[in-house]
Full PDB file with SEQRES, HELIX, SHEET, SSBOND, CRYST1, ORIGX, SCALE, CONECT and MASTER records, all heavy atoms in Angstrom:
SEQRES   1 A   42  PHE MET LYS MET TYR GLN VAL SER GLY SER MET LYS ALA          
SEQRES   2 A   42  ASP THR ASP MET MET GLN CYS LYS GLY CYS GLY CYS LYS          
SEQRES   3 A   42  LEU GLY SER GLN THR LEU ASN THR ALA LEU ARG SER SER          
SEQRES   4 A   42  PHE ALA LEU                                                  
HELIX    1 AA1 MET A    2  MET A    4  5                                   3    
HELIX    2 AA2 GLY A   22  CYS A   25  5                                   4    
HELIX    3 AA3 SER A   29  ALA A   41  1                                  13    
CRYST1    1.000    1.000    1.000  90.00  90.00  90.00 P 1           1          
ORIGX1      1.000000  0.000000  0.000000        0.00000                         
ORIGX2      0.000000  1.000000  0.000000        0.00000                         
ORIGX3      0.000000  0.000000  1.000000        0.00000                         
SCALE1      1.000000  0.000000  0.000000        0.00000                         
SCALE2      0.000000  1.000000  0.000000        0.00000                         
SCALE3      0.000000  0.000000  1.000000        0.00000                         
ATOM      1  N   PHE A   1     -30.885  20.598  21.802  1.00  0.00           N  
ATOM      2  CA  PHE A   1     -30.445  19.398  21.097  1.00  0.00           C  
ATOM      3  C   PHE A   1     -30.598  19.567  19.591  1.00  0.00           C  
ATOM      4  O   PHE A   1     -29.698  19.253  18.802  1.00  0.00           O  
ATOM      5  CB  PHE A   1     -31.242  18.188  21.586  1.00  0.00           C  
ATOM      6  CG  PHE A   1     -30.940  16.917  20.838  1.00  0.00           C  
ATOM      7  CD1 PHE A   1     -29.830  16.157  21.156  1.00  0.00           C  
ATOM      8  CD2 PHE A   1     -31.769  16.487  19.814  1.00  0.00           C  
ATOM      9  CE1 PHE A   1     -29.544  14.989  20.465  1.00  0.00           C  
ATOM     10  CE2 PHE A   1     -31.499  15.318  19.109  1.00  0.00           C  
ATOM     11  CZ  PHE A   1     -30.378  14.573  19.444  1.00  0.00           C  
ATOM     12  N   MET A   2     -31.745  20.079  19.162  1.00  0.00           N  
ATOM     13  CA  MET A   2     -32.019  20.200  17.738  1.00  0.00           C  
ATOM     14  C   MET A   2     -31.104  21.211  17.057  1.00  0.00           C  
ATOM     15  O   MET A   2     -30.731  21.037  15.890  1.00  0.00           O  
ATOM     16  CB  MET A   2     -33.478  20.582  17.510  1.00  0.00           C  
ATOM     17  CG  MET A   2     -34.454  19.462  17.805  1.00  0.00           C  
ATOM     18  SD  MET A   2     -34.178  18.022  16.750  1.00  0.00           S  
ATOM     19  CE  MET A   2     -34.699  18.659  15.167  1.00  0.00           C  
ATOM     20  N   LYS A   3     -30.724  22.258  17.742  1.00  0.00           N  
ATOM     21  CA  LYS A   3     -29.870  23.279  17.141  1.00  0.00           C  
ATOM     22  C   LYS A   3     -28.520  22.715  16.721  1.00  0.00           C  
ATOM     23  O   LYS A   3     -27.857  23.266  15.835  1.00  0.00           O  
ATOM     24  CB  LYS A   3     -29.685  24.449  18.107  1.00  0.00           C  
ATOM     25  CG  LYS A   3     -30.902  25.363  18.195  1.00  0.00           C  
ATOM     26  CD  LYS A   3     -30.672  26.498  19.178  1.00  0.00           C  
ATOM     27  CE  LYS A   3     -31.921  27.384  19.271  1.00  0.00           C  
ATOM     28  NZ  LYS A   3     -31.751  28.488  20.266  1.00  0.00           N  
ATOM     29  N   MET A   4     -28.116  21.620  17.348  1.00  0.00           N  
ATOM     30  CA  MET A   4     -26.836  21.015  16.988  1.00  0.00           C  
ATOM     31  C   MET A   4     -26.883  20.367  15.608  1.00  0.00           C  
ATOM     32  O   MET A   4     -25.846  20.149  14.976  1.00  0.00           O  
ATOM     33  CB  MET A   4     -26.429  19.972  18.035  1.00  0.00           C  
ATOM     34  CG  MET A   4     -26.150  20.531  19.409  1.00  0.00           C  
ATOM     35  SD  MET A   4     -25.388  19.317  20.518  1.00  0.00           S  
ATOM     36  CE  MET A   4     -26.732  18.132  20.704  1.00  0.00           C  
ATOM     37  N   TYR A   5     -28.097  20.060  15.123  1.00  0.00           N  
ATOM     38  CA  TYR A   5     -28.220  19.304  13.883  1.00  0.00           C  
ATOM     39  C   TYR A   5     -28.975  20.035  12.784  1.00  0.00           C  
ATOM     40  O   TYR A   5     -29.095  19.524  11.677  1.00  0.00           O  
ATOM     41  CB  TYR A   5     -28.904  17.959  14.174  1.00  0.00           C  
ATOM     42  CG  TYR A   5     -28.148  17.166  15.209  1.00  0.00           C  
ATOM     43  CD1 TYR A   5     -28.605  17.076  16.520  1.00  0.00           C  
ATOM     44  CD2 TYR A   5     -26.957  16.545  14.888  1.00  0.00           C  
ATOM     45  CE1 TYR A   5     -27.893  16.371  17.473  1.00  0.00           C  
ATOM     46  CE2 TYR A   5     -26.236  15.834  15.840  1.00  0.00           C  
ATOM     47  CZ  TYR A   5     -26.712  15.752  17.130  1.00  0.00           C  
ATOM     48  OH  TYR A   5     -25.989  15.070  18.079  1.00  0.00           O  
ATOM     49  N   GLN A   6     -29.491  21.196  13.087  1.00  0.00           N  
ATOM     50  CA  GLN A   6     -30.174  21.987  12.072  1.00  0.00           C  
ATOM     51  C   GLN A   6     -29.183  22.995  11.517  1.00  0.00           C  
ATOM     52  O   GLN A   6     -28.655  23.837  12.241  1.00  0.00           O  
ATOM     53  CB  GLN A   6     -31.404  22.676  12.668  1.00  0.00           C  
ATOM     54  CG  GLN A   6     -32.496  21.674  13.054  1.00  0.00           C  
ATOM     55  CD  GLN A   6     -33.682  22.320  13.734  1.00  0.00           C  
ATOM     56  OE1 GLN A   6     -33.535  23.283  14.470  1.00  0.00           O  
ATOM     57  NE2 GLN A   6     -34.866  21.781  13.514  1.00  0.00           N  
ATOM     58  N   VAL A   7     -28.914  22.891  10.220  1.00  0.00           N  
ATOM     59  CA  VAL A   7     -27.878  23.704   9.590  1.00  0.00           C  
ATOM     60  C   VAL A   7     -28.261  25.174   9.679  1.00  0.00           C  
ATOM     61  O   VAL A   7     -29.359  25.568   9.289  1.00  0.00           O  
ATOM     62  CB  VAL A   7     -27.683  23.287   8.119  1.00  0.00           C  
ATOM     63  CG1 VAL A   7     -26.649  24.178   7.436  1.00  0.00           C  
ATOM     64  CG2 VAL A   7     -27.263  21.826   8.046  1.00  0.00           C  
ATOM     65  N   SER A   8     -27.366  25.974  10.212  1.00  0.00           N  
ATOM     66  CA  SER A   8     -27.648  27.395  10.400  1.00  0.00           C  
ATOM     67  C   SER A   8     -27.407  28.150   9.102  1.00  0.00           C  
ATOM     68  O   SER A   8     -26.894  27.618   8.126  1.00  0.00           O  
ATOM     69  CB  SER A   8     -26.755  27.969  11.508  1.00  0.00           C  
ATOM     70  OG  SER A   8     -25.386  27.808  11.154  1.00  0.00           O  
ATOM     71  N   GLY A   9     -27.747  29.426   9.114  1.00  0.00           N  
ATOM     72  CA  GLY A   9     -27.556  30.256   7.934  1.00  0.00           C  
ATOM     73  C   GLY A   9     -28.829  30.386   7.134  1.00  0.00           C  
ATOM     74  O   GLY A   9     -29.816  29.705   7.371  1.00  0.00           O  
ATOM     75  N   SER A  10     -28.790  31.282   6.183  1.00  0.00           N  
ATOM     76  CA  SER A  10     -29.947  31.500   5.321  1.00  0.00           C  
ATOM     77  C   SER A  10     -29.485  31.486   3.875  1.00  0.00           C  
ATOM     78  O   SER A  10     -28.304  31.598   3.581  1.00  0.00           O  
ATOM     79  CB  SER A  10     -30.613  32.843   5.643  1.00  0.00           C  
ATOM     80  OG  SER A  10     -29.680  33.895   5.440  1.00  0.00           O  
ATOM     81  N   MET A  11     -30.435  31.351   2.968  1.00  0.00           N  
ATOM     82  CA  MET A  11     -30.094  31.377   1.558  1.00  0.00           C  
ATOM     83  C   MET A  11     -29.775  32.814   1.161  1.00  0.00           C  
ATOM     84  O   MET A  11     -30.647  33.657   1.076  1.00  0.00           O  
ATOM     85  CB  MET A  11     -31.248  30.831   0.718  1.00  0.00           C  
ATOM     86  CG  MET A  11     -31.389  29.342   0.811  1.00  0.00           C  
ATOM     87  SD  MET A  11     -32.336  28.626  -0.531  1.00  0.00           S  
ATOM     88  CE  MET A  11     -33.969  29.195  -0.145  1.00  0.00           C  
ATOM     89  N   LYS A  12     -28.507  33.066   0.963  1.00  0.00           N  
ATOM     90  CA  LYS A  12     -28.102  34.407   0.555  1.00  0.00           C  
ATOM     91  C   LYS A  12     -26.999  34.300  -0.483  1.00  0.00           C  
ATOM     92  O   LYS A  12     -26.261  33.320  -0.543  1.00  0.00           O  
ATOM     93  CB  LYS A  12     -27.613  35.216   1.762  1.00  0.00           C  
ATOM     94  CG  LYS A  12     -26.409  34.608   2.481  1.00  0.00           C  
ATOM     95  CD  LYS A  12     -26.011  35.448   3.676  1.00  0.00           C  
ATOM     96  CE  LYS A  12     -24.816  34.834   4.408  1.00  0.00           C  
ATOM     97  NZ  LYS A  12     -24.410  35.632   5.569  1.00  0.00           N  
ATOM     98  N   ALA A  13     -26.891  35.319  -1.288  1.00  0.00           N  
ATOM     99  CA  ALA A  13     -25.887  35.302  -2.340  1.00  0.00           C  
ATOM    100  C   ALA A  13     -24.494  35.322  -1.728  1.00  0.00           C  
ATOM    101  O   ALA A  13     -24.246  35.927  -0.694  1.00  0.00           O  
ATOM    102  CB  ALA A  13     -26.088  36.512  -3.252  1.00  0.00           C  
ATOM    103  N   ASP A  14     -23.555  34.681  -2.384  1.00  0.00           N  
ATOM    104  CA  ASP A  14     -22.176  34.618  -1.932  1.00  0.00           C  
ATOM    105  C   ASP A  14     -21.297  34.847  -3.149  1.00  0.00           C  
ATOM    106  O   ASP A  14     -21.112  33.970  -3.988  1.00  0.00           O  
ATOM    107  CB  ASP A  14     -21.897  33.233  -1.311  1.00  0.00           C  
ATOM    108  CG  ASP A  14     -20.495  33.145  -0.723  1.00  0.00           C  
ATOM    109  OD1 ASP A  14     -19.713  34.087  -0.946  1.00  0.00           O  
ATOM    110  OD2 ASP A  14     -20.203  32.138  -0.064  1.00  0.00           O  
ATOM    111  N   THR A  15     -20.736  36.038  -3.242  1.00  0.00           N  
ATOM    112  CA  THR A  15     -19.963  36.383  -4.428  1.00  0.00           C  
ATOM    113  C   THR A  15     -18.667  35.608  -4.525  1.00  0.00           C  
ATOM    114  O   THR A  15     -18.059  35.535  -5.591  1.00  0.00           O  
ATOM    115  CB  THR A  15     -19.650  37.895  -4.426  1.00  0.00           C  
ATOM    116  OG1 THR A  15     -18.977  38.222  -3.197  1.00  0.00           O  
ATOM    117  CG2 THR A  15     -20.919  38.715  -4.532  1.00  0.00           C  
ATOM    118  N   ASP A  16     -18.215  35.006  -3.427  1.00  0.00           N  
ATOM    119  CA  ASP A  16     -16.979  34.226  -3.446  1.00  0.00           C  
ATOM    120  C   ASP A  16     -17.242  32.742  -3.652  1.00  0.00           C  
ATOM    121  O   ASP A  16     -16.337  31.921  -3.526  1.00  0.00           O  
ATOM    122  CB  ASP A  16     -16.211  34.422  -2.128  1.00  0.00           C  
ATOM    123  CG  ASP A  16     -15.766  35.870  -1.943  1.00  0.00           C  
ATOM    124  OD1 ASP A  16     -15.450  36.505  -2.969  1.00  0.00           O  
ATOM    125  OD2 ASP A  16     -15.755  36.352  -0.804  1.00  0.00           O  
ATOM    126  N   MET A  17     -18.474  32.389  -3.976  1.00  0.00           N  
ATOM    127  CA  MET A  17     -18.827  30.984  -4.123  1.00  0.00           C  
ATOM    128  C   MET A  17     -18.080  30.376  -5.302  1.00  0.00           C  
ATOM    129  O   MET A  17     -17.892  31.015  -6.326  1.00  0.00           O  
ATOM    130  CB  MET A  17     -20.335  30.848  -4.331  1.00  0.00           C  
ATOM    131  CG  MET A  17     -20.847  29.427  -4.185  1.00  0.00           C  
ATOM    132  SD  MET A  17     -20.671  28.845  -2.493  1.00  0.00           S  
ATOM    133  CE  MET A  17     -21.153  27.126  -2.711  1.00  0.00           C  
ATOM    134  N   MET A  18     -17.646  29.127  -5.150  1.00  0.00           N  
ATOM    135  CA  MET A  18     -16.967  28.442  -6.233  1.00  0.00           C  
ATOM    136  C   MET A  18     -17.915  28.229  -7.405  1.00  0.00           C  
ATOM    137  O   MET A  18     -19.133  28.320  -7.272  1.00  0.00           O  
ATOM    138  CB  MET A  18     -16.403  27.112  -5.750  1.00  0.00           C  
ATOM    139  CG  MET A  18     -17.439  26.061  -5.433  1.00  0.00           C  
ATOM    140  SD  MET A  18     -16.702  24.483  -4.936  1.00  0.00           S  
ATOM    141  CE  MET A  18     -15.930  24.944  -3.388  1.00  0.00           C  
ATOM    142  N   GLN A  19     -17.318  27.938  -8.556  1.00  0.00           N  
ATOM    143  CA  GLN A  19     -18.108  27.727  -9.766  1.00  0.00           C  
ATOM    144  C   GLN A  19     -19.129  26.623  -9.552  1.00  0.00           C  
ATOM    145  O   GLN A  19     -18.844  25.594  -8.944  1.00  0.00           O  
ATOM    146  CB  GLN A  19     -17.181  27.345 -10.925  1.00  0.00           C  
ATOM    147  CG  GLN A  19     -17.912  27.177 -12.249  1.00  0.00           C  
ATOM    148  CD  GLN A  19     -17.007  26.615 -13.327  1.00  0.00           C  
ATOM    149  OE1 GLN A  19     -16.268  25.679 -13.087  1.00  0.00           O  
ATOM    150  NE2 GLN A  19     -17.049  27.206 -14.510  1.00  0.00           N  
ATOM    151  N   CYS A  20     -20.338  26.844 -10.069  1.00  0.00           N  
ATOM    152  CA  CYS A  20     -21.376  25.835  -9.938  1.00  0.00           C  
ATOM    153  C   CYS A  20     -21.037  24.606 -10.758  1.00  0.00           C  
ATOM    154  O   CYS A  20     -20.210  24.637 -11.670  1.00  0.00           O  
ATOM    155  CB  CYS A  20     -22.724  26.414 -10.381  1.00  0.00           C  
ATOM    156  SG  CYS A  20     -23.447  27.531  -9.173  1.00  0.00           S  
ATOM    157  N   LYS A  21     -21.735  23.526 -10.426  1.00  0.00           N  
ATOM    158  CA  LYS A  21     -21.511  22.260 -11.108  1.00  0.00           C  
ATOM    159  C   LYS A  21     -22.696  21.974 -12.018  1.00  0.00           C  
ATOM    160  O   LYS A  21     -23.580  22.789 -12.174  1.00  0.00           O  
ATOM    161  CB  LYS A  21     -21.293  21.160 -10.067  1.00  0.00           C  
ATOM    162  CG  LYS A  21     -20.104  21.456  -9.158  1.00  0.00           C  
ATOM    163  CD  LYS A  21     -19.978  20.470  -8.013  1.00  0.00           C  
ATOM    164  CE  LYS A  21     -18.837  20.860  -7.089  1.00  0.00           C  
ATOM    165  NZ  LYS A  21     -18.707  19.941  -5.928  1.00  0.00           N  
ATOM    166  N   GLY A  22     -22.718  20.778 -12.614  1.00  0.00           N  
ATOM    167  CA  GLY A  22     -23.742  20.518 -13.600  1.00  0.00           C  
ATOM    168  C   GLY A  22     -23.582  21.494 -14.754  1.00  0.00           C  
ATOM    169  O   GLY A  22     -22.463  21.881 -15.124  1.00  0.00           O  
ATOM    170  N   CYS A  23     -24.680  21.954 -15.328  1.00  0.00           N  
ATOM    171  CA  CYS A  23     -24.619  22.903 -16.444  1.00  0.00           C  
ATOM    172  C   CYS A  23     -24.095  24.262 -16.017  1.00  0.00           C  
ATOM    173  O   CYS A  23     -23.736  25.083 -16.860  1.00  0.00           O  
ATOM    174  CB  CYS A  23     -26.011  23.062 -17.059  1.00  0.00           C  
ATOM    175  SG  CYS A  23     -26.300  21.887 -18.394  1.00  0.00           S  
ATOM    176  N   GLY A  24     -24.062  24.509 -14.727  1.00  0.00           N  
ATOM    177  CA  GLY A  24     -23.554  25.783 -14.241  1.00  0.00           C  
ATOM    178  C   GLY A  24     -22.084  26.002 -14.534  1.00  0.00           C  
ATOM    179  O   GLY A  24     -21.580  27.120 -14.422  1.00  0.00           O  
ATOM    180  N   CYS A  25     -21.356  24.928 -14.917  1.00  0.00           N  
ATOM    181  CA  CYS A  25     -19.923  25.080 -15.213  1.00  0.00           C  
ATOM    182  C   CYS A  25     -19.667  25.256 -16.708  1.00  0.00           C  
ATOM    183  O   CYS A  25     -18.521  25.279 -17.149  1.00  0.00           O  
ATOM    184  CB  CYS A  25     -19.146  23.878 -14.678  1.00  0.00           C  
ATOM    185  SG  CYS A  25     -19.507  22.317 -15.516  1.00  0.00           S  
ATOM    186  N   LYS A  26     -20.734  25.382 -17.510  1.00  0.00           N  
ATOM    187  CA  LYS A  26     -20.564  25.525 -18.957  1.00  0.00           C  
ATOM    188  C   LYS A  26     -19.945  26.871 -19.306  1.00  0.00           C  
ATOM    189  O   LYS A  26     -20.046  27.852 -18.565  1.00  0.00           O  
ATOM    190  CB  LYS A  26     -21.914  25.387 -19.670  1.00  0.00           C  
ATOM    191  CG  LYS A  26     -22.471  23.985 -19.707  1.00  0.00           C  
ATOM    192  CD  LYS A  26     -23.739  23.906 -20.523  1.00  0.00           C  
ATOM    193  CE  LYS A  26     -23.474  24.169 -21.987  1.00  0.00           C  
ATOM    194  NZ  LYS A  26     -24.670  23.890 -22.814  1.00  0.00           N  
ATOM    195  N   LEU A  27     -19.329  26.909 -20.490  1.00  0.00           N  
ATOM    196  CA  LEU A  27     -18.834  28.157 -21.042  1.00  0.00           C  
ATOM    197  C   LEU A  27     -20.029  29.008 -21.454  1.00  0.00           C  
ATOM    198  O   LEU A  27     -21.032  28.502 -21.954  1.00  0.00           O  
ATOM    199  CB  LEU A  27     -17.956  27.860 -22.259  1.00  0.00           C  
ATOM    200  CG  LEU A  27     -17.158  29.012 -22.868  1.00  0.00           C  
ATOM    201  CD1 LEU A  27     -16.093  29.488 -21.886  1.00  0.00           C  
ATOM    202  CD2 LEU A  27     -16.508  28.566 -24.176  1.00  0.00           C  
ATOM    203  N   GLY A  28     -19.937  30.317 -21.242  1.00  0.00           N  
ATOM    204  CA  GLY A  28     -21.020  31.212 -21.605  1.00  0.00           C  
ATOM    205  C   GLY A  28     -21.298  31.189 -23.098  1.00  0.00           C  
ATOM    206  O   GLY A  28     -20.397  30.957 -23.924  1.00  0.00           O  
ATOM    207  N   SER A  29     -22.540  31.465 -23.474  1.00  0.00           N  
ATOM    208  CA  SER A  29     -22.949  31.344 -24.881  1.00  0.00           C  
ATOM    209  C   SER A  29     -22.230  32.342 -25.774  1.00  0.00           C  
ATOM    210  O   SER A  29     -21.887  32.025 -26.923  1.00  0.00           O  
ATOM    211  CB  SER A  29     -24.462  31.520 -24.994  1.00  0.00           C  
ATOM    212  OG  SER A  29     -24.853  32.795 -24.525  1.00  0.00           O  
ATOM    213  N   GLN A  30     -21.977  33.569 -25.290  1.00  0.00           N  
ATOM    214  CA  GLN A  30     -21.307  34.561 -26.126  1.00  0.00           C  
ATOM    215  C   GLN A  30     -19.894  34.114 -26.463  1.00  0.00           C  
ATOM    216  O   GLN A  30     -19.452  34.186 -27.610  1.00  0.00           O  
ATOM    217  CB  GLN A  30     -21.282  35.920 -25.422  1.00  0.00           C  
ATOM    218  CG  GLN A  30     -22.581  36.705 -25.551  1.00  0.00           C  
ATOM    219  CD  GLN A  30     -22.417  38.136 -25.100  1.00  0.00           C  
ATOM    220  OE1 GLN A  30     -21.725  38.418 -24.123  1.00  0.00           O  
ATOM    221  NE2 GLN A  30     -23.049  39.060 -25.807  1.00  0.00           N  
ATOM    222  N   THR A  31     -19.149  33.661 -25.457  1.00  0.00           N  
ATOM    223  CA  THR A  31     -17.790  33.184 -25.680  1.00  0.00           C  
ATOM    224  C   THR A  31     -17.789  31.996 -26.626  1.00  0.00           C  
ATOM    225  O   THR A  31     -16.971  31.905 -27.547  1.00  0.00           O  
ATOM    226  CB  THR A  31     -17.139  32.795 -24.341  1.00  0.00           C  
ATOM    227  OG1 THR A  31     -17.215  33.889 -23.443  1.00  0.00           O  
ATOM    228  CG2 THR A  31     -15.693  32.386 -24.533  1.00  0.00           C  
ATOM    229  N   LEU A  32     -18.722  31.071 -26.386  1.00  0.00           N  
ATOM    230  CA  LEU A  32     -18.808  29.875 -27.223  1.00  0.00           C  
ATOM    231  C   LEU A  32     -19.127  30.236 -28.670  1.00  0.00           C  
ATOM    232  O   LEU A  32     -18.477  29.766 -29.611  1.00  0.00           O  
ATOM    233  CB  LEU A  32     -19.873  28.941 -26.660  1.00  0.00           C  
ATOM    234  CG  LEU A  32     -20.169  27.668 -27.463  1.00  0.00           C  
ATOM    235  CD1 LEU A  32     -18.941  26.775 -27.523  1.00  0.00           C  
ATOM    236  CD2 LEU A  32     -21.344  26.918 -26.858  1.00  0.00           C  
ATOM    237  N   ASN A  33     -20.129  31.080 -28.878  1.00  0.00           N  
ATOM    238  CA  ASN A  33     -20.545  31.410 -30.234  1.00  0.00           C  
ATOM    239  C   ASN A  33     -19.468  32.180 -30.992  1.00  0.00           C  
ATOM    240  O   ASN A  33     -19.270  31.978 -32.195  1.00  0.00           O  
ATOM    241  CB  ASN A  33     -21.842  32.223 -30.210  1.00  0.00           C  
ATOM    242  CG  ASN A  33     -23.038  31.363 -29.877  1.00  0.00           C  
ATOM    243  OD1 ASN A  33     -23.028  30.160 -30.097  1.00  0.00           O  
ATOM    244  ND2 ASN A  33     -24.076  31.976 -29.322  1.00  0.00           N  
ATOM    245  N   THR A  34     -18.758  33.066 -30.289  1.00  0.00           N  
ATOM    246  CA  THR A  34     -17.682  33.806 -30.943  1.00  0.00           C  
ATOM    247  C   THR A  34     -16.602  32.860 -31.442  1.00  0.00           C  
ATOM    248  O   THR A  34     -16.106  32.981 -32.571  1.00  0.00           O  
ATOM    249  CB  THR A  34     -17.075  34.836 -29.972  1.00  0.00           C  
ATOM    250  OG1 THR A  34     -18.090  35.752 -29.569  1.00  0.00           O  
ATOM    251  CG2 THR A  34     -15.949  35.607 -30.637  1.00  0.00           C  
ATOM    252  N   ALA A  35     -16.239  31.910 -30.589  1.00  0.00           N  
ATOM    253  CA  ALA A  35     -15.222  30.935 -30.992  1.00  0.00           C  
ATOM    254  C   ALA A  35     -15.707  30.075 -32.150  1.00  0.00           C  
ATOM    255  O   ALA A  35     -14.962  29.805 -33.103  1.00  0.00           O  
ATOM    256  CB  ALA A  35     -14.848  30.059 -29.798  1.00  0.00           C  
ATOM    257  N   LEU A  36     -16.965  29.641 -32.090  1.00  0.00           N  
ATOM    258  CA  LEU A  36     -17.500  28.790 -33.151  1.00  0.00           C  
ATOM    259  C   LEU A  36     -17.599  29.534 -34.475  1.00  0.00           C  
ATOM    260  O   LEU A  36     -17.323  28.973 -35.547  1.00  0.00           O  
ATOM    261  CB  LEU A  36     -18.869  28.242 -32.741  1.00  0.00           C  
ATOM    262  CG  LEU A  36     -18.865  27.173 -31.651  1.00  0.00           C  
ATOM    263  CD1 LEU A  36     -20.294  26.801 -31.278  1.00  0.00           C  
ATOM    264  CD2 LEU A  36     -18.108  25.936 -32.104  1.00  0.00           C  
ATOM    265  N   ARG A  37     -17.986  30.799 -34.424  1.00  0.00           N  
ATOM    266  CA  ARG A  37     -18.072  31.574 -35.655  1.00  0.00           C  
ATOM    267  C   ARG A  37     -16.719  31.668 -36.340  1.00  0.00           C  
ATOM    268  O   ARG A  37     -16.593  31.528 -37.559  1.00  0.00           O  
ATOM    269  CB  ARG A  37     -18.628  32.964 -35.360  1.00  0.00           C  
ATOM    270  CG  ARG A  37     -20.121  32.972 -35.092  1.00  0.00           C  
ATOM    271  CD  ARG A  37     -20.581  34.307 -34.550  1.00  0.00           C  
ATOM    272  NE  ARG A  37     -21.985  34.254 -34.176  1.00  0.00           N  
ATOM    273  CZ  ARG A  37     -22.508  34.932 -33.165  1.00  0.00           C  
ATOM    274  NH1 ARG A  37     -21.742  35.705 -32.420  1.00  0.00           N  
ATOM    275  NH2 ARG A  37     -23.790  34.835 -32.885  1.00  0.00           N  
ATOM    276  N   SER A  38     -15.682  31.921 -35.527  1.00  0.00           N  
ATOM    277  CA  SER A  38     -14.338  31.992 -36.088  1.00  0.00           C  
ATOM    278  C   SER A  38     -13.941  30.665 -36.697  1.00  0.00           C  
ATOM    279  O   SER A  38     -13.367  30.598 -37.785  1.00  0.00           O  
ATOM    280  CB  SER A  38     -13.337  32.387 -34.993  1.00  0.00           C  
ATOM    281  OG  SER A  38     -13.656  33.642 -34.460  1.00  0.00           O  
ATOM    282  N   SER A  39     -14.262  29.586 -35.988  1.00  0.00           N  
ATOM    283  CA  SER A  39     -13.907  28.258 -36.467  1.00  0.00           C  
ATOM    284  C   SER A  39     -14.626  27.922 -37.757  1.00  0.00           C  
ATOM    285  O   SER A  39     -14.037  27.413 -38.715  1.00  0.00           O  
ATOM    286  CB  SER A  39     -14.230  27.218 -35.395  1.00  0.00           C  
ATOM    287  OG  SER A  39     -14.031  25.911 -35.873  1.00  0.00           O  
ATOM    288  N   PHE A  40     -15.922  28.211 -37.809  1.00  0.00           N  
ATOM    289  CA  PHE A  40     -16.697  27.891 -39.008  1.00  0.00           C  
ATOM    290  C   PHE A  40     -16.295  28.783 -40.181  1.00  0.00           C  
ATOM    291  O   PHE A  40     -16.339  28.358 -41.332  1.00  0.00           O  
ATOM    292  CB  PHE A  40     -18.192  28.017 -38.727  1.00  0.00           C  
ATOM    293  CG  PHE A  40     -18.778  26.767 -38.161  1.00  0.00           C  
ATOM    294  CD1 PHE A  40     -18.767  26.535 -36.800  1.00  0.00           C  
ATOM    295  CD2 PHE A  40     -19.314  25.799 -38.993  1.00  0.00           C  
ATOM    296  CE1 PHE A  40     -19.294  25.376 -36.274  1.00  0.00           C  
ATOM    297  CE2 PHE A  40     -19.845  24.637 -38.470  1.00  0.00           C  
ATOM    298  CZ  PHE A  40     -19.842  24.416 -37.105  1.00  0.00           C  
ATOM    299  N   ALA A  41     -15.873  30.014 -39.891  1.00  0.00           N  
ATOM    300  CA  ALA A  41     -15.421  30.901 -40.963  1.00  0.00           C  
ATOM    301  C   ALA A  41     -14.160  30.359 -41.612  1.00  0.00           C  
ATOM    302  O   ALA A  41     -13.970  30.444 -42.827  1.00  0.00           O  
ATOM    303  CB  ALA A  41     -15.167  32.302 -40.421  1.00  0.00           C  
ATOM    304  N   LEU A  42     -13.263  29.775 -40.806  1.00  0.00           N  
ATOM    305  CA  LEU A  42     -12.017  29.237 -41.323  1.00  0.00           C  
ATOM    306  C   LEU A  42     -12.222  27.927 -42.061  1.00  0.00           C  
ATOM    307  O   LEU A  42     -11.472  27.584 -42.966  1.00  0.00           O  
ATOM    308  CB  LEU A  42     -11.028  29.019 -40.162  1.00  0.00           C  
ATOM    309  CG  LEU A  42     -10.494  30.289 -39.492  1.00  0.00           C  
ATOM    310  CD1 LEU A  42      -9.675  29.920 -38.256  1.00  0.00           C  
ATOM    311  CD2 LEU A  42      -9.624  31.084 -40.473  1.00  0.00           C  
TER     312      LEU A  42                                                      
MASTER        0    0    0    3    0    0    0    6  311    1    0    4          
END                                                                             
């Protein structure tokens, strides 16, 4: 009975996982800083 309601699987990496939410969907700092430097230079 319990096996029907206990979620199977283990915590393992999944390279095909969709983009994370919350702060996990932010633009990377290198990309951001490069763009900002160009903007501030102009």
